[in-house]
Amino acid sequence: MNISKVSGKNSKHKVFVYALSTCVWCKMTKQYLNDNGIEYEFVDVDLADEKDKEKIHETIQSKGGMLNYPTTIVDDKVVISGFRKDKLKEVLEI
């Protein structure tokens, strides 16, 4: 699985974004994190192989998330589905 890391000056939370490479909302989520200096990791699910996609789906669902993108997981416990600036701001204390 090709996980990309984006460094930022705010690394107070562990942030992981499951995205699609062609998704506008996914790009907006990443841009919002970049604009606020948040360090995060992401994977473009549509570019993963079938075995990795299965693992990703299991991971998202095991944390109570639905299979829609972007799915952002903060500190391995908070699941945010879609581009939710309000939720990201609240959880990441921006």
N, C-alpha and C. Protein backbone atom coordinates (compact mmCIF):
# COMPACT_ATOMS: atom_id res chain seq x y z
N MET A 1 0.86 -1.18 0.00
CA MET A 1 0.00 0.00 0.00
C MET A 1 0.90 1.24 0.00
N ASN A 2 0.57 2.19 -0.84
CA ASN A 2 1.39 3.39 -0.98
C ASN A 2 0.86 4.50 -0.07
N ILE A 3 1.45 4.59 1.13
CA ILE A 3 1.04 5.61 2.10
C ILE A 3 1.97 6.81 1.96
N SER A 4 1.37 7.98 1.81
CA SER A 4 2.16 9.21 1.69
C SER A 4 2.07 9.99 2.99
N LYS A 5 3.20 10.59 3.37
CA LYS A 5 3.23 11.39 4.59
C LYS A 5 3.43 12.85 4.20
N VAL A 6 2.61 13.71 4.80
CA VAL A 6 2.72 15.15 4.56
C VAL A 6 3.11 15.78 5.88
N SER A 7 4.28 16.41 5.90
CA SER A 7 4.72 17.00 7.16
C SER A 7 4.06 18.36 7.36
N GLY A 8 3.93 18.72 8.62
CA GLY A 8 3.34 20.00 8.98
C GLY A 8 3.81 20.40 10.36
N LYS A 9 3.64 21.65 10.71
CA LYS A 9 4.14 22.11 12.00
C LYS A 9 3.25 21.65 13.16
N ASN A 10 2.03 21.23 12.86
CA ASN A 10 1.12 20.76 13.90
C ASN A 10 1.01 19.24 13.81
N SER A 11 1.72 18.56 14.73
CA SER A 11 1.70 17.09 14.72
C SER A 11 1.15 16.56 16.04
N LYS A 12 0.28 17.33 16.66
CA LYS A 12 -0.28 17.00 17.96
C LYS A 12 -1.22 15.79 17.88
N HIS A 13 -1.81 15.57 16.72
CA HIS A 13 -2.73 14.45 16.52
C HIS A 13 -2.22 13.55 15.40
N LYS A 14 -2.57 12.25 15.49
CA LYS A 14 -2.25 11.32 14.41
C LYS A 14 -3.44 11.37 13.44
N VAL A 15 -3.19 11.85 12.22
CA VAL A 15 -4.26 12.03 11.24
C VAL A 15 -3.97 11.16 10.02
N PHE A 16 -4.99 10.38 9.63
CA PHE A 16 -4.86 9.53 8.45
C PHE A 16 -6.08 9.75 7.56
N VAL A 17 -5.83 10.01 6.29
CA VAL A 17 -6.92 10.27 5.34
C VAL A 17 -6.96 9.16 4.29
N TYR A 18 -8.12 8.54 4.17
CA TYR A 18 -8.38 7.59 3.08
C TYR A 18 -9.09 8.39 2.00
N ALA A 19 -8.49 8.46 0.82
CA ALA A 19 -8.99 9.34 -0.23
C ALA A 19 -9.05 8.60 -1.56
N LEU A 20 -9.63 9.28 -2.54
CA LEU A 20 -9.60 8.83 -3.93
C LEU A 20 -8.82 9.88 -4.71
N SER A 21 -7.99 9.46 -5.63
CA SER A 21 -7.11 10.39 -6.34
C SER A 21 -7.87 11.41 -7.19
N THR A 22 -9.10 11.08 -7.59
CA THR A 22 -9.86 11.96 -8.48
C THR A 22 -10.97 12.73 -7.75
N CYS A 23 -11.08 12.56 -6.45
CA CYS A 23 -12.20 13.12 -5.67
C CYS A 23 -11.94 14.58 -5.25
N VAL A 24 -12.84 15.45 -5.64
CA VAL A 24 -12.72 16.88 -5.29
C VAL A 24 -12.76 17.08 -3.78
N TRP A 25 -13.67 16.38 -3.09
CA TRP A 25 -13.80 16.53 -1.63
C TRP A 25 -12.55 16.04 -0.92
N CYS A 26 -11.93 14.99 -1.46
CA CYS A 26 -10.69 14.47 -0.89
C CYS A 26 -9.57 15.51 -1.03
N LYS A 27 -9.51 16.12 -2.21
CA LYS A 27 -8.49 17.15 -2.44
C LYS A 27 -8.71 18.34 -1.52
N MET A 28 -9.99 18.70 -1.28
CA MET A 28 -10.30 19.82 -0.39
C MET A 28 -9.90 19.50 1.05
N THR A 29 -10.09 18.25 1.46
CA THR A 29 -9.70 17.84 2.81
C THR A 29 -8.19 17.96 2.98
N LYS A 30 -7.44 17.44 2.01
CA LYS A 30 -5.98 17.51 2.07
C LYS A 30 -5.53 18.97 2.07
N GLN A 31 -6.15 19.79 1.23
CA GLN A 31 -5.78 21.21 1.15
C GLN A 31 -6.05 21.91 2.47
N TYR A 32 -7.17 21.60 3.10
CA TYR A 32 -7.51 22.19 4.40
C TYR A 32 -6.47 21.82 5.45
N LEU A 33 -6.05 20.56 5.46
CA LEU A 33 -5.01 20.13 6.40
C LEU A 33 -3.69 20.84 6.10
N ASN A 34 -3.34 20.94 4.80
CA ASN A 34 -2.11 21.64 4.40
C ASN A 34 -2.16 23.10 4.83
N ASP A 35 -3.29 23.78 4.56
CA ASP A 35 -3.43 25.20 4.87
C ASP A 35 -3.28 25.48 6.36
N ASN A 36 -3.63 24.47 7.18
CA ASN A 36 -3.55 24.65 8.62
C ASN A 36 -2.32 24.01 9.24
N GLY A 37 -1.39 23.58 8.41
CA GLY A 37 -0.11 23.05 8.88
C GLY A 37 -0.22 21.74 9.64
N ILE A 38 -1.24 20.95 9.33
CA ILE A 38 -1.45 19.68 10.02
C ILE A 38 -0.61 18.58 9.37
N GLU A 39 0.13 17.84 10.18
CA GLU A 39 0.87 16.70 9.67
C GLU A 39 -0.11 15.54 9.53
N TYR A 40 -0.05 14.83 8.40
CA TYR A 40 -0.97 13.71 8.19
C TYR A 40 -0.39 12.72 7.20
N GLU A 41 -1.02 11.56 7.17
CA GLU A 41 -0.70 10.54 6.19
C GLU A 41 -1.96 10.27 5.39
N PHE A 42 -1.78 9.82 4.15
CA PHE A 42 -2.95 9.49 3.35
C PHE A 42 -2.63 8.38 2.37
N VAL A 43 -3.71 7.74 1.91
CA VAL A 43 -3.58 6.74 0.85
C VAL A 43 -4.72 6.99 -0.13
N ASP A 44 -4.40 6.95 -1.41
CA ASP A 44 -5.43 7.05 -2.45
C ASP A 44 -5.93 5.63 -2.71
N VAL A 45 -7.10 5.34 -2.18
CA VAL A 45 -7.64 3.98 -2.20
C VAL A 45 -7.83 3.45 -3.61
N ASP A 46 -8.23 4.30 -4.54
CA ASP A 46 -8.46 3.84 -5.91
C ASP A 46 -7.18 3.40 -6.61
N LEU A 47 -6.03 3.79 -6.09
CA LEU A 47 -4.75 3.39 -6.69
C LEU A 47 -4.14 2.16 -6.02
N ALA A 48 -4.79 1.68 -4.94
CA ALA A 48 -4.29 0.50 -4.23
C ALA A 48 -4.70 -0.77 -4.96
N ASP A 49 -3.97 -1.86 -4.70
CA ASP A 49 -4.38 -3.13 -5.31
C ASP A 49 -5.55 -3.72 -4.53
N GLU A 50 -6.17 -4.75 -5.08
CA GLU A 50 -7.40 -5.31 -4.50
C GLU A 50 -7.21 -5.78 -3.06
N LYS A 51 -6.07 -6.41 -2.78
CA LYS A 51 -5.80 -6.92 -1.43
C LYS A 51 -5.73 -5.76 -0.44
N ASP A 52 -5.05 -4.68 -0.81
CA ASP A 52 -4.94 -3.51 0.06
C ASP A 52 -6.29 -2.82 0.22
N LYS A 53 -7.09 -2.78 -0.84
CA LYS A 53 -8.43 -2.18 -0.74
C LYS A 53 -9.27 -2.92 0.29
N GLU A 54 -9.17 -4.26 0.31
CA GLU A 54 -9.91 -5.05 1.29
C GLU A 54 -9.48 -4.67 2.71
N LYS A 55 -8.15 -4.56 2.91
CA LYS A 55 -7.62 -4.19 4.23
C LYS A 55 -8.12 -2.80 4.64
N ILE A 56 -8.11 -1.87 3.69
CA ILE A 56 -8.56 -0.50 3.96
C ILE A 56 -10.03 -0.50 4.35
N HIS A 57 -10.85 -1.22 3.61
CA HIS A 57 -12.29 -1.30 3.90
C HIS A 57 -12.53 -1.87 5.29
N GLU A 58 -11.77 -2.94 5.65
CA GLU A 58 -11.90 -3.54 6.97
C GLU A 58 -11.50 -2.54 8.06
N THR A 59 -10.42 -1.80 7.83
CA THR A 59 -9.96 -0.83 8.81
C THR A 59 -11.00 0.26 9.05
N ILE A 60 -11.52 0.82 7.97
CA ILE A 60 -12.52 1.90 8.08
C ILE A 60 -13.76 1.38 8.81
N GLN A 61 -14.24 0.21 8.40
CA GLN A 61 -15.46 -0.33 9.00
C GLN A 61 -15.25 -0.74 10.45
N SER A 62 -14.06 -1.22 10.80
CA SER A 62 -13.79 -1.63 12.18
C SER A 62 -13.80 -0.43 13.14
N LYS A 63 -13.59 0.76 12.59
CA LYS A 63 -13.61 1.98 13.41
C LYS A 63 -14.98 2.66 13.36
N GLY A 64 -15.94 1.99 12.73
CA GLY A 64 -17.29 2.52 12.69
C GLY A 64 -17.57 3.44 11.52
N GLY A 65 -16.65 3.51 10.56
CA GLY A 65 -16.83 4.38 9.41
C GLY A 65 -17.59 3.69 8.29
N MET A 66 -18.09 4.50 7.37
CA MET A 66 -18.74 3.97 6.16
C MET A 66 -17.73 4.05 5.02
N LEU A 67 -17.98 3.32 3.97
CA LEU A 67 -17.04 3.33 2.85
C LEU A 67 -17.35 4.48 1.90
N ASN A 68 -17.10 5.69 2.36
CA ASN A 68 -17.18 6.85 1.48
C ASN A 68 -15.94 7.68 1.70
N TYR A 69 -15.65 8.52 0.76
CA TYR A 69 -14.36 9.23 0.77
C TYR A 69 -14.56 10.72 0.63
N PRO A 70 -13.73 11.50 1.30
CA PRO A 70 -12.64 11.07 2.16
C PRO A 70 -13.16 10.55 3.51
N THR A 71 -12.39 9.65 4.09
CA THR A 71 -12.61 9.24 5.47
C THR A 71 -11.33 9.62 6.20
N THR A 72 -11.48 10.46 7.21
CA THR A 72 -10.34 10.93 8.00
C THR A 72 -10.44 10.30 9.38
N ILE A 73 -9.35 9.68 9.82
CA ILE A 73 -9.32 9.07 11.15
C ILE A 73 -8.28 9.82 11.98
N VAL A 74 -8.74 10.35 13.12
CA VAL A 74 -7.86 11.13 13.99
C VAL A 74 -7.60 10.34 15.27
N ASP A 75 -6.32 10.18 15.60
CA ASP A 75 -5.89 9.48 16.81
C ASP A 75 -6.47 8.07 16.92
N ASP A 76 -6.67 7.42 15.79
CA ASP A 76 -7.19 6.05 15.72
C ASP A 76 -8.57 5.87 16.35
N LYS A 77 -9.30 6.97 16.62
CA LYS A 77 -10.60 6.78 17.23
C LYS A 77 -11.70 7.67 16.67
N VAL A 78 -11.40 8.86 16.21
CA VAL A 78 -12.44 9.74 15.66
C VAL A 78 -12.49 9.56 14.15
N VAL A 79 -13.67 9.20 13.64
CA VAL A 79 -13.85 8.96 12.20
C VAL A 79 -14.70 10.09 11.63
N ILE A 80 -14.17 10.77 10.61
CA ILE A 80 -14.89 11.86 9.96
C ILE A 80 -15.11 11.45 8.50
N SER A 81 -16.37 11.33 8.11
CA SER A 81 -16.70 10.96 6.74
C SER A 81 -17.02 12.21 5.93
N GLY A 82 -16.40 12.31 4.76
CA GLY A 82 -16.63 13.47 3.91
C GLY A 82 -15.75 14.64 4.29
N PHE A 83 -15.88 15.72 3.52
CA PHE A 83 -15.12 16.95 3.81
C PHE A 83 -15.93 17.76 4.82
N ARG A 84 -15.53 17.65 6.10
CA ARG A 84 -16.25 18.31 7.18
C ARG A 84 -15.30 19.26 7.89
N LYS A 85 -15.20 20.46 7.34
CA LYS A 85 -14.31 21.47 7.90
C LYS A 85 -14.61 21.70 9.39
N ASP A 86 -15.89 21.76 9.74
CA ASP A 86 -16.29 22.00 11.12
C ASP A 86 -15.77 20.91 12.05
N LYS A 87 -15.91 19.66 11.65
CA LYS A 87 -15.45 18.54 12.48
C LYS A 87 -13.93 18.51 12.57
N LEU A 88 -13.26 18.74 11.43
CA LEU A 88 -11.79 18.75 11.44
C LEU A 88 -11.28 19.85 12.36
N LYS A 89 -11.88 21.01 12.28
CA LYS A 89 -11.47 22.15 13.11
C LYS A 89 -11.63 21.82 14.58
N GLU A 90 -12.76 21.21 14.92
CA GLU A 90 -13.04 20.87 16.31
C GLU A 90 -12.07 19.80 16.84
N VAL A 91 -11.96 18.70 16.11
CA VAL A 91 -11.14 17.56 16.57
C VAL A 91 -9.65 17.91 16.60
N LEU A 92 -9.20 18.67 15.60
CA LEU A 92 -7.77 19.00 15.51
C LEU A 92 -7.41 20.28 16.27
N GLU A 93 -8.41 20.90 16.89
CA GLU A 93 -8.20 22.11 17.70
C GLU A 93 -7.48 23.20 16.90
N ILE A 94 -8.01 23.47 15.73
CA ILE A 94 -7.41 24.49 14.84
C ILE A 94 -7.98 25.84 15.20
